[in-house]
Amino acid sequence: MKKIYILLIGFLVTSLNLSAQYNTPGTGVDWTFDDLVANSAGAVTEIEGVYYVNEELTISAGDILSVDEGIDVKIEDDILIRINGTFDATPDEEATFTAADPENRFKGFRFEESAASVIDNCLIEYGGGIKLVDCDVQISNSIIRYFDKEYSTGAIDLYHSSPNIYDNEIYENAGPAIASGSNAASSPQILNNNIYENNTSNANTPQINLGTMAEDSIRIVGNTITGLYEMAGGIAVTTLMGGEIECVIKDNLIQNNRYGVTCYGSNISAVITNNEIHDNNIDGNPDTGGSGLNFYGGETNTAIVSHNKITGNLWGITIQSDARPNMGQLDGDIYNEGMNEIYDNGNNDVEYNLYNNTPNPIMAENNYWGVDNAEEVIFHEPDDSSLGFIDYLPILTGGVSVDDLNAEQNGIITAVYPVPASKQVTIALERKAEVKIYSSNGALVMDEQFNQGETTLQTSGWPAGLYSIVVTDGQKSKTRTFLIAR
């Protein structure tokens, strides 16, 4: 009888643990936190206008939890909120989700197969992570801070998910701001965020750390990414466990990290344009980091690199193993006008603006190097006969800024819209000219004569990604880019 009694006690304890949670019934109901207080039997309570989540909470498939006003929600230690239905947090004033005791963080949020969830105008802090599994969520206009890594490596952690993440502040989290697993195909759209001082645990990881992509391209556009901890890099896109990546890294300010951007692995096709990448030297050890841009991998690790300002790093651009980025090519099968500013990068009193540590020839035409003799700041075949030659002529003379490069695009082309494009794009010219359009890998897509005025192209059948428009009127040649997004 004694053994039976112990088993019954064990069963009772297990049952009590399982009951310490609340699941909405999955009947297609739109819930509010007031509804949860009324129906959850104490799992969610309200005291003086503050809501407390006291037990595990699941919004079941088919149900919606709506937040349309600026409420305060405090979540008890080690509690996970699961969203299998829809979380519609779009308050008119900022809503706060925080730990009941900041010294004892809640576990986090888990969105799994969640349809149309939105987090907008929210402050989420002192959690263990926001994990997205097989779902596409919008996270916008919010603050995400002070997360540890108890539940997920990244503050926003992706597994087979392609969220839209834009206009947020993401800072002082223990791991990366945004991360996806190396084999967890995801294609986030990371736009116009202020990302800073993440990786407080000082692990060897970047602030944006992404593995293989899903169906769409990865886009990292318009962000500010600022480091503080010596082991924290800026952006990494990697295919260490296979898969492929097509990505656009554009219009970002990347500063004070261990390194700026690394493309690591094979089957990577990147467009890296119009970024300002400076002073990524916080580690101080040139043997372990400090590149503004780094390419490491097989010959299918390719990139079109143009219109960037890369300065103050331990290395400007480094190319390793068998990678094949293109920094500028004015003739041939690939067109890339270059126009990068790459100067004052170096270590141990030697300037290294471009270091080709591969046996391959590299194209780097029409760039500004900050010195009269570019050979002094480029390391390649003349310095080591085992290395490939860098074709850096012609040289872009007279230092230019990113703003100057943008201004240089004016003339002949008066407008390209909408941005981004989807089913069609309109190109406006001030006079008749030849128009060539190139895909992100430099392949010629179209070559036609356009008349003065507006011409609209149907692009519904074109793959998503970044395209370059080269317009020539016999006297001048100008270039603009546009993005097709689905």
Protein backbone atom coordinates (compact mmCIF):
# COMPACT_ATOMS: atom_id res chain seq x y z
CA MET A 1 0.00 0.00 0.00
CA LYS A 2 2.86 2.38 0.74
CA LYS A 3 4.17 2.22 -2.84
CA ILE A 4 0.71 2.83 -4.27
CA TYR A 5 0.32 5.85 -1.99
CA ILE A 6 3.59 7.36 -3.24
CA LEU A 7 2.56 6.85 -6.85
CA LEU A 8 -0.75 8.59 -6.21
CA ILE A 9 1.04 11.53 -4.59
CA GLY A 10 3.37 11.75 -7.61
CA PHE A 11 0.37 11.69 -9.97
CA LEU A 12 -1.30 14.44 -7.95
CA VAL A 13 1.78 16.67 -8.06
CA THR A 14 2.09 16.17 -11.82
CA SER A 15 -1.58 17.03 -12.30
CA LEU A 16 -1.21 20.19 -10.26
CA ASN A 17 1.78 21.26 -12.36
CA LEU A 18 -0.10 20.64 -15.58
CA SER A 19 -3.07 22.65 -14.32
CA ALA A 20 -0.88 25.71 -13.60
CA GLN A 21 -1.67 27.17 -16.99
CA TYR A 22 -4.56 28.55 -18.96
CA ASN A 23 -5.42 27.78 -22.58
CA THR A 24 -8.11 29.72 -24.37
CA PRO A 25 -10.71 27.29 -25.79
CA GLY A 26 -9.88 27.76 -29.48
CA THR A 27 -13.43 28.67 -30.47
CA GLY A 28 -12.61 31.68 -32.62
CA VAL A 29 -13.16 34.27 -29.88
CA ASP A 30 -11.45 37.67 -29.76
CA TRP A 31 -10.09 37.99 -26.20
CA THR A 32 -8.84 41.00 -24.23
CA PHE A 33 -6.85 40.98 -20.99
CA ASP A 34 -10.09 41.86 -19.17
CA ASP A 35 -11.64 38.72 -20.66
CA LEU A 36 -8.68 36.68 -19.44
CA VAL A 37 -9.09 38.10 -15.95
CA ALA A 38 -12.75 37.09 -15.97
CA ASN A 39 -12.30 33.59 -17.37
CA SER A 40 -8.82 32.26 -16.52
CA ALA A 41 -9.48 31.34 -12.86
CA GLY A 42 -6.54 33.39 -11.60
CA ALA A 43 -4.03 32.69 -14.38
CA VAL A 44 -4.41 36.39 -15.28
CA THR A 45 -5.40 38.91 -12.62
CA GLU A 46 -5.74 42.68 -12.41
CA ILE A 47 -4.71 44.89 -9.50
CA GLU A 48 -5.13 48.66 -9.65
CA GLY A 49 -5.09 48.72 -13.44
CA VAL A 50 -2.07 46.44 -13.84
CA TYR A 51 -2.51 42.97 -15.32
CA TYR A 52 -0.53 40.06 -13.90
CA VAL A 53 0.15 36.82 -15.75
CA ASN A 54 0.58 34.29 -12.95
CA GLU A 55 0.56 31.03 -14.89
CA GLU A 56 1.51 29.73 -18.31
CA LEU A 57 -0.81 31.24 -20.91
CA THR A 58 -1.68 29.89 -24.36
CA ILE A 59 -3.78 31.67 -26.97
CA SER A 60 -5.07 28.68 -28.88
CA ALA A 61 -5.32 28.34 -32.65
CA GLY A 62 -8.36 30.21 -33.93
CA ASP A 63 -8.46 32.65 -31.01
CA ILE A 64 -7.22 36.25 -30.94
CA LEU A 65 -5.76 38.21 -28.04
CA SER A 66 -6.23 41.92 -28.75
CA VAL A 67 -4.44 44.84 -27.11
CA ASP A 68 -5.80 48.16 -28.38
CA GLU A 69 -4.87 50.47 -25.51
CA GLY A 70 -1.82 51.31 -23.44
CA ILE A 71 -2.04 48.64 -20.75
CA ASP A 72 0.65 47.44 -18.31
CA VAL A 73 1.21 43.68 -18.11
CA LYS A 74 3.54 42.09 -15.55
CA ILE A 75 4.56 38.49 -16.03
CA GLU A 76 5.73 36.21 -13.24
CA ASP A 77 9.07 34.42 -13.08
CA ASP A 78 9.65 31.67 -15.70
CA ILE A 79 6.23 32.12 -17.33
CA LEU A 80 5.93 31.53 -21.10
CA ILE A 81 3.17 33.09 -23.18
CA ARG A 82 2.37 30.92 -26.21
CA ILE A 83 0.59 32.34 -29.23
CA ASN A 84 -0.83 29.57 -31.42
CA GLY A 85 -3.67 31.80 -32.56
CA THR A 86 -3.22 35.55 -33.15
CA PHE A 87 -1.74 38.26 -30.97
CA ASP A 88 -2.97 41.66 -32.16
CA ALA A 89 -1.11 44.21 -30.06
CA THR A 90 -1.70 47.56 -31.78
CA PRO A 91 -2.42 49.94 -28.88
CA ASP A 92 -3.11 53.63 -29.36
CA GLU A 93 -0.60 54.32 -26.55
CA GLU A 94 2.45 52.22 -25.70
CA ALA A 95 1.64 48.91 -23.99
CA THR A 96 4.21 47.43 -21.62
CA PHE A 97 5.02 43.74 -21.10
CA THR A 98 7.60 43.27 -18.37
CA ALA A 99 8.68 40.94 -15.58
CA ALA A 100 6.80 41.25 -12.30
CA ASP A 101 10.27 41.25 -10.74
CA PRO A 102 13.08 42.38 -13.08
CA GLU A 103 15.50 40.26 -11.04
CA ASN A 104 13.49 37.17 -12.08
CA ARG A 105 12.68 37.38 -15.76
CA PHE A 106 9.69 35.74 -17.39
CA LYS A 107 10.55 33.03 -19.91
CA GLY A 108 9.32 34.88 -23.00
CA PHE A 109 6.88 34.68 -25.91
CA ARG A 110 6.52 31.77 -28.33
CA PHE A 111 4.64 32.32 -31.61
CA GLU A 112 4.01 29.01 -33.36
CA GLU A 113 2.03 28.69 -36.61
CA SER A 114 0.51 31.99 -35.61
CA ALA A 115 -1.53 33.76 -38.26
CA ALA A 116 -1.28 37.53 -38.77
CA SER A 117 0.14 38.42 -35.35
CA VAL A 118 1.30 42.01 -34.84
CA ILE A 119 3.38 43.64 -32.11
CA ASP A 120 3.28 47.40 -32.62
CA ASN A 121 3.89 50.26 -30.19
CA CYS A 122 4.90 47.95 -27.36
CA LEU A 123 7.66 47.87 -24.76
CA ILE A 124 8.80 44.30 -24.04
CA GLU A 125 11.54 43.84 -21.46
CA TYR A 126 13.11 41.48 -18.91
CA GLY A 127 12.15 38.32 -20.76
CA GLY A 128 13.98 35.29 -22.09
CA GLY A 129 13.26 35.75 -25.78
CA ILE A 130 10.63 36.12 -28.49
CA LYS A 131 10.67 32.88 -30.45
CA LEU A 132 8.94 32.59 -33.83
CA VAL A 133 8.29 29.08 -35.15
CA ASP A 134 6.73 28.52 -38.58
CA CYS A 135 5.05 31.92 -38.66
CA ASP A 136 5.45 35.42 -40.07
CA VAL A 137 4.88 38.15 -37.50
CA GLN A 138 5.07 41.93 -37.73
CA ILE A 139 7.18 43.56 -35.02
CA SER A 140 7.23 47.34 -35.40
CA ASN A 141 7.58 50.66 -33.56
CA SER A 142 8.48 48.83 -30.37
CA ILE A 143 11.23 48.62 -27.77
CA ILE A 144 12.77 45.22 -27.00
CA ARG A 145 15.39 45.26 -24.27
CA TYR A 146 17.03 43.58 -21.29
CA PHE A 147 16.41 39.98 -22.40
CA ASP A 148 18.60 37.15 -21.18
CA LYS A 149 19.09 33.95 -23.20
CA GLU A 150 17.03 31.67 -20.98
CA TYR A 151 14.55 30.77 -23.70
CA SER A 152 16.22 31.71 -26.99
CA THR A 153 19.62 32.84 -28.20
CA GLY A 154 18.34 35.98 -29.91
CA ALA A 155 16.03 38.57 -28.43
CA ILE A 156 13.98 37.78 -31.57
CA ASP A 157 14.71 34.19 -32.57
CA LEU A 158 13.52 32.70 -35.86
CA TYR A 159 12.81 29.13 -36.93
CA HIS A 160 11.26 28.74 -40.38
CA SER A 161 9.81 32.23 -40.02
CA SER A 162 10.00 35.40 -42.11
CA PRO A 163 8.84 38.34 -40.01
CA ASN A 164 8.72 42.03 -40.88
CA ILE A 165 10.82 43.79 -38.21
CA TYR A 166 10.88 47.55 -38.65
CA ASP A 167 11.20 50.88 -36.83
CA ASN A 168 12.12 49.28 -33.49
CA GLU A 169 14.70 49.94 -30.80
CA ILE A 170 16.41 46.68 -29.82
CA TYR A 171 19.14 47.04 -27.24
CA GLU A 172 21.03 45.67 -24.23
CA ASN A 173 19.97 42.06 -24.73
CA ALA A 174 22.24 39.19 -23.68
CA GLY A 175 22.41 37.69 -27.18
CA PRO A 176 21.89 38.94 -30.73
CA ALA A 177 19.05 41.34 -31.40
CA ILE A 178 17.80 39.07 -34.22
CA ALA A 179 18.94 35.52 -34.91
CA SER A 180 17.96 32.49 -36.96
CA GLY A 181 19.36 28.98 -36.79
CA SER A 182 21.81 27.78 -39.43
CA ASN A 183 19.29 25.20 -40.68
CA ALA A 184 16.09 27.08 -39.78
CA ALA A 185 15.30 28.65 -43.16
CA SER A 186 14.02 32.18 -42.49
CA SER A 187 13.85 35.39 -44.52
CA PRO A 188 13.33 38.34 -42.18
CA GLN A 189 12.83 41.85 -43.49
CA ILE A 190 14.83 44.01 -41.05
CA LEU A 191 14.15 47.66 -41.85
CA ASN A 192 14.95 50.99 -40.18
CA ASN A 193 15.68 49.67 -36.68
CA ASN A 194 18.01 51.15 -34.08
CA ILE A 195 19.98 48.15 -32.84
CA TYR A 196 22.64 48.79 -30.26
CA GLU A 197 24.72 47.37 -27.42
CA ASN A 198 23.36 43.85 -27.67
CA ASN A 199 25.35 40.75 -26.67
CA THR A 200 25.78 41.88 -23.08
CA SER A 201 26.96 38.31 -22.36
CA ASN A 202 29.94 39.13 -24.61
CA ALA A 203 29.71 35.86 -26.51
CA ASN A 204 31.28 35.56 -29.96
CA THR A 205 28.19 36.55 -31.92
CA PRO A 206 26.94 39.46 -34.05
CA GLN A 207 23.96 41.66 -33.31
CA ILE A 208 22.17 40.30 -36.41
CA ASN A 209 23.00 36.62 -36.94
CA LEU A 210 21.16 34.85 -39.77
CA GLY A 211 21.36 31.41 -41.33
CA THR A 212 19.90 30.02 -44.53
CA MET A 213 17.00 31.87 -46.13
CA ALA A 214 13.44 30.78 -46.88
CA GLU A 215 11.68 31.51 -50.20
CA ASP A 216 12.17 35.29 -50.19
CA SER A 217 15.42 37.23 -50.01
CA ILE A 218 16.72 38.51 -46.68
CA ARG A 219 16.70 42.31 -46.49
CA ILE A 220 18.63 44.34 -43.92
CA VAL A 221 17.95 47.94 -44.90
CA GLY A 222 18.17 51.32 -43.21
CA ASN A 223 19.28 50.16 -39.75
CA THR A 224 21.74 51.65 -37.28
CA ILE A 225 23.82 48.89 -35.66
CA THR A 226 26.14 50.10 -32.92
CA GLY A 227 28.27 47.89 -30.70
CA LEU A 228 29.71 48.12 -27.20
CA TYR A 229 30.97 44.65 -26.25
CA GLU A 230 34.28 43.53 -27.76
CA MET A 231 33.05 40.12 -28.97
CA ALA A 232 29.90 41.46 -30.65
CA GLY A 233 29.96 41.79 -34.43
CA GLY A 234 27.58 43.76 -36.62
CA ILE A 235 25.88 41.49 -39.20
CA ALA A 236 26.56 37.87 -40.16
CA VAL A 237 24.83 35.84 -42.87
CA THR A 238 26.02 32.23 -42.92
CA THR A 239 25.35 28.90 -44.61
CA LEU A 240 27.39 26.70 -42.29
CA MET A 241 24.76 23.93 -42.31
CA GLY A 242 23.88 24.19 -46.01
CA GLY A 243 21.09 25.99 -47.81
CA GLU A 244 21.50 29.28 -49.63
CA ILE A 245 21.20 32.99 -48.99
CA GLU A 246 20.18 35.87 -51.21
CA CYS A 247 20.36 39.09 -49.25
CA VAL A 248 20.28 42.85 -49.62
CA ILE A 249 22.30 44.84 -47.07
CA LYS A 250 21.61 48.48 -47.88
CA ASP A 251 21.55 51.96 -46.35
CA ASN A 252 22.78 50.83 -42.91
CA LEU A 253 25.09 52.58 -40.45
CA ILE A 254 27.29 49.88 -38.87
CA GLN A 255 29.74 51.17 -36.28
CA ASN A 256 31.86 50.27 -33.26
CA ASN A 257 31.43 46.50 -33.51
CA ARG A 258 34.01 43.72 -33.55
CA TYR A 259 33.46 43.62 -37.32
CA GLY A 260 30.96 45.19 -39.69
CA VAL A 261 29.49 42.54 -42.03
CA THR A 262 30.55 38.96 -42.73
CA CYS A 263 29.21 36.63 -45.43
CA TYR A 264 30.38 33.19 -44.35
CA GLY A 265 29.88 29.98 -46.32
CA SER A 266 28.85 29.02 -49.84
CA ASN A 267 25.79 29.65 -52.00
CA ILE A 268 25.56 33.25 -50.83
CA SER A 269 24.55 36.02 -53.21
CA ALA A 270 24.63 39.45 -51.57
CA VAL A 271 24.02 43.02 -52.66
CA ILE A 272 25.85 45.34 -50.26
CA THR A 273 25.27 48.95 -51.18
CA ASN A 274 25.13 52.45 -49.76
CA ASN A 275 26.17 51.46 -46.24
CA GLU A 276 28.39 53.45 -43.90
CA ILE A 277 30.68 50.95 -42.12
CA HIS A 278 33.18 52.55 -39.78
CA ASP A 279 35.28 52.01 -36.66
CA ASN A 280 34.45 48.32 -36.31
CA ASN A 281 37.62 47.71 -34.33
CA ILE A 282 36.35 47.33 -30.79
CA ASP A 283 38.18 44.03 -30.20
CA GLY A 284 41.47 45.52 -31.36
CA ASN A 285 42.93 42.18 -32.47
CA PRO A 286 43.40 42.03 -36.27
CA ASP A 287 43.83 38.23 -36.09
CA THR A 288 40.28 37.72 -34.84
CA GLY A 289 38.22 40.45 -36.45
CA GLY A 290 38.03 44.08 -37.39
CA SER A 291 36.92 43.84 -41.03
CA GLY A 292 34.46 46.34 -42.40
CA LEU A 293 33.37 43.63 -44.85
CA ASN A 294 34.51 40.01 -44.75
CA PHE A 295 33.81 37.27 -47.29
CA TYR A 296 34.78 33.71 -46.37
CA GLY A 297 33.74 30.61 -48.29
CA GLY A 298 33.57 28.88 -51.64
CA GLU A 299 33.40 30.42 -55.10
CA THR A 300 29.60 30.58 -54.79
CA ASN A 301 30.05 33.20 -52.05
CA THR A 302 29.44 36.22 -54.27
CA ALA A 303 28.47 39.85 -53.76
CA ILE A 304 27.98 43.10 -55.61
CA VAL A 305 29.55 45.78 -53.40
CA SER A 306 28.92 49.40 -54.39
CA HIS A 307 28.47 52.93 -53.00
CA ASN A 308 29.66 52.06 -49.48
CA LYS A 309 31.81 54.15 -47.16
CA ILE A 310 34.21 51.86 -45.28
CA THR A 311 36.66 53.56 -42.96
CA GLY A 312 38.34 53.30 -39.56
CA ASN A 313 38.20 49.49 -39.38
CA LEU A 314 41.20 47.23 -38.73
CA TRP A 315 40.71 45.92 -42.26
CA GLY A 316 38.60 47.51 -44.98
CA ILE A 317 37.47 44.47 -46.98
CA THR A 318 38.91 40.98 -46.48
CA ILE A 319 38.36 38.03 -48.85
CA GLN A 320 39.22 34.52 -47.68
CA SER A 321 39.21 30.91 -48.91
CA ASP A 322 37.62 31.01 -52.39
CA ALA A 323 34.99 33.77 -52.07
CA ARG A 324 34.27 35.97 -55.11
CA PRO A 325 32.84 39.40 -54.22
CA ASN A 326 32.83 42.14 -56.86
CA MET A 327 33.69 45.69 -55.73
CA GLY A 328 33.47 47.31 -59.17
CA GLN A 329 33.42 46.24 -62.81
CA LEU A 330 32.74 48.67 -65.62
CA ASP A 331 32.94 46.22 -68.55
CA GLY A 332 32.13 42.58 -69.17
CA ASP A 333 29.30 40.23 -68.30
CA ILE A 334 28.80 41.84 -64.87
CA TYR A 335 28.25 45.56 -64.42
CA ASN A 336 29.05 47.16 -61.07
CA GLU A 337 29.98 50.84 -61.01
CA GLY A 338 31.84 50.48 -57.69
CA MET A 339 32.03 53.99 -56.25
CA ASN A 340 32.93 52.71 -52.80
CA GLU A 341 34.95 54.90 -50.41
CA ILE A 342 37.47 52.58 -48.74
CA TYR A 343 40.14 54.42 -46.78
CA ASP A 344 41.99 54.73 -43.46
CA ASN A 345 41.48 51.08 -42.50
CA GLY A 346 44.49 49.44 -40.91
CA ASN A 347 46.34 47.84 -38.03
CA ASN A 348 49.90 47.72 -36.71
CA ASP A 349 50.62 51.02 -38.51
CA VAL A 350 49.83 49.49 -41.93
CA GLU A 351 46.81 50.50 -44.01
CA TYR A 352 44.79 47.59 -45.41
CA ASN A 353 41.81 48.80 -47.40
CA LEU A 354 41.38 45.62 -49.45
CA TYR A 355 43.05 42.29 -48.65
CA ASN A 356 42.64 39.45 -51.17
CA ASN A 357 43.63 36.31 -49.28
CA THR A 358 42.43 34.02 -52.10
CA PRO A 359 44.10 32.75 -55.28
CA ASN A 360 41.35 34.34 -57.39
CA PRO A 361 41.36 37.55 -59.42
CA ILE A 362 39.07 40.17 -57.88
CA MET A 363 37.33 43.12 -59.55
CA ALA A 364 37.45 46.42 -57.65
CA GLU A 365 37.27 49.16 -60.28
CA ASN A 366 36.18 52.77 -59.84
CA ASN A 367 36.61 53.14 -56.08
CA TYR A 368 38.18 55.82 -53.89
CA TRP A 369 41.11 54.58 -51.77
CA GLY A 370 42.15 57.73 -49.90
CA VAL A 371 45.70 57.78 -51.31
CA ASP A 372 47.33 58.68 -54.61
CA ASN A 373 48.79 55.21 -55.06
CA ALA A 374 46.14 52.56 -54.35
CA GLU A 375 48.78 49.83 -54.53
CA GLU A 376 49.98 51.00 -51.11
CA VAL A 377 46.71 50.07 -49.41
CA ILE A 378 45.73 46.92 -51.34
CA PHE A 379 47.22 43.49 -50.58
CA HIS A 380 47.19 41.01 -53.47
CA GLU A 381 49.41 39.25 -56.04
CA PRO A 382 52.24 41.85 -56.14
CA ASP A 383 52.59 41.40 -52.36
CA ASP A 384 52.32 37.58 -52.38
CA SER A 385 52.56 35.58 -55.61
CA SER A 386 50.17 32.91 -54.29
CA LEU A 387 47.32 35.43 -54.19
CA GLY A 388 45.01 36.62 -56.92
CA PHE A 389 45.37 39.98 -58.64
CA ILE A 390 42.97 42.82 -57.81
CA ASP A 391 41.91 44.91 -60.81
CA TYR A 392 41.44 48.32 -59.15
CA LEU A 393 41.80 50.58 -62.21
CA PRO A 394 40.33 53.04 -62.97
CA ILE A 395 40.39 54.77 -59.60
CA LEU A 396 37.66 57.13 -58.46
CA THR A 397 39.52 60.30 -57.54
CA GLY A 398 38.59 63.07 -55.12
CA GLY A 399 36.97 61.72 -51.98
CA VAL A 400 33.21 61.35 -52.04
CA SER A 401 30.68 60.83 -49.30
CA VAL A 402 27.64 58.61 -49.26
CA ASP A 403 25.50 61.74 -49.67
CA ASP A 404 27.60 62.76 -52.68
CA LEU A 405 27.15 59.34 -54.20
CA ASN A 406 23.39 59.61 -53.80
CA ALA A 407 23.41 63.08 -55.33
CA GLU A 408 25.51 61.80 -58.22
CA GLN A 409 22.52 59.69 -59.29
CA ASN A 410 20.49 62.79 -60.21
CA GLY A 411 20.30 63.82 -63.86
CA ILE A 412 18.84 61.86 -66.80
CA ILE A 413 16.87 59.73 -64.32
CA THR A 414 14.37 61.98 -62.54
CA ALA A 415 12.35 59.35 -60.68
CA VAL A 416 12.01 55.62 -60.00
CA TYR A 417 8.87 54.51 -58.11
CA PRO A 418 7.28 52.92 -56.17
CA VAL A 419 9.91 51.86 -53.64
CA PRO A 420 9.81 49.00 -53.06
CA ALA A 421 8.11 47.86 -56.26
CA SER A 422 5.97 44.76 -56.69
CA LYS A 423 3.91 44.34 -59.86
CA GLN A 424 5.33 47.33 -61.74
CA VAL A 425 7.98 50.03 -61.60
CA THR A 426 7.96 53.44 -63.30
CA ILE A 427 11.15 55.07 -64.58
CA ALA A 428 11.12 58.78 -65.47
CA LEU A 429 13.82 60.24 -67.76
CA GLU A 430 14.54 63.87 -68.60
CA ARG A 431 15.53 62.88 -72.15
CA LYS A 432 15.69 59.89 -74.48
CA ALA A 433 18.31 57.34 -73.43
CA GLU A 434 19.35 53.70 -73.46
CA VAL A 435 18.20 51.84 -70.33
CA LYS A 436 19.87 48.68 -69.07
CA ILE A 437 18.60 46.85 -66.00
CA TYR A 438 20.77 44.38 -64.10
CA SER A 439 19.79 41.88 -61.40
CA SER A 440 21.54 41.70 -58.04
CA ASN A 441 24.12 39.24 -59.41
CA GLY A 442 25.01 41.62 -62.27
CA ALA A 443 23.12 39.73 -65.01
CA LEU A 444 21.55 41.87 -67.75
CA VAL A 445 17.74 41.71 -67.49
CA MET A 446 16.71 44.32 -70.07
CA ASP A 447 18.30 46.62 -72.68
CA GLU A 448 15.95 49.09 -74.41
CA GLN A 449 15.62 52.69 -75.59
CA PHE A 450 13.26 54.78 -73.42
CA ASN A 451 11.75 58.09 -74.50
CA GLN A 452 11.64 61.25 -72.40
CA GLY A 453 9.04 61.07 -69.65
CA GLU A 454 7.70 58.07 -67.77
CA THR A 455 7.89 54.42 -68.79
CA THR A 456 6.19 51.75 -66.70
CA LEU A 457 7.54 48.20 -66.65
CA GLN A 458 5.49 45.18 -65.59
CA THR A 459 7.62 43.35 -63.03
CA SER A 460 5.19 40.81 -61.56
CA GLY A 461 7.21 37.99 -63.10
CA TRP A 462 10.59 39.29 -61.97
CA PRO A 463 12.25 37.66 -58.95
CA ALA A 464 12.28 39.69 -55.74
CA GLY A 465 15.54 41.50 -55.07
CA LEU A 466 17.61 44.59 -55.82
CA TYR A 467 18.01 45.80 -59.44
CA SER A 468 20.33 48.40 -60.96
CA ILE A 469 19.21 50.76 -63.73
CA VAL A 470 22.00 52.11 -65.94
CA VAL A 471 20.89 54.96 -68.21
CA THR A 472 23.14 56.26 -71.02
CA ASP A 473 22.33 59.13 -73.38
CA GLY A 474 25.59 59.11 -75.36
CA GLN A 475 27.20 61.73 -73.11
CA LYS A 476 26.45 60.67 -69.55
CA SER A 477 25.77 57.42 -67.77
CA LYS A 478 23.78 57.38 -64.52
CA THR A 479 22.71 54.57 -62.21
CA ARG A 480 19.83 54.07 -59.80
CA THR A 481 18.63 51.04 -57.89
CA PHE A 482 15.19 49.77 -57.05
CA LEU A 483 13.88 46.93 -54.95
CA ILE A 484 11.20 44.39 -55.87
CA ALA A 485 9.51 42.93 -52.80
CA ARG A 486 6.70 40.38 -52.62
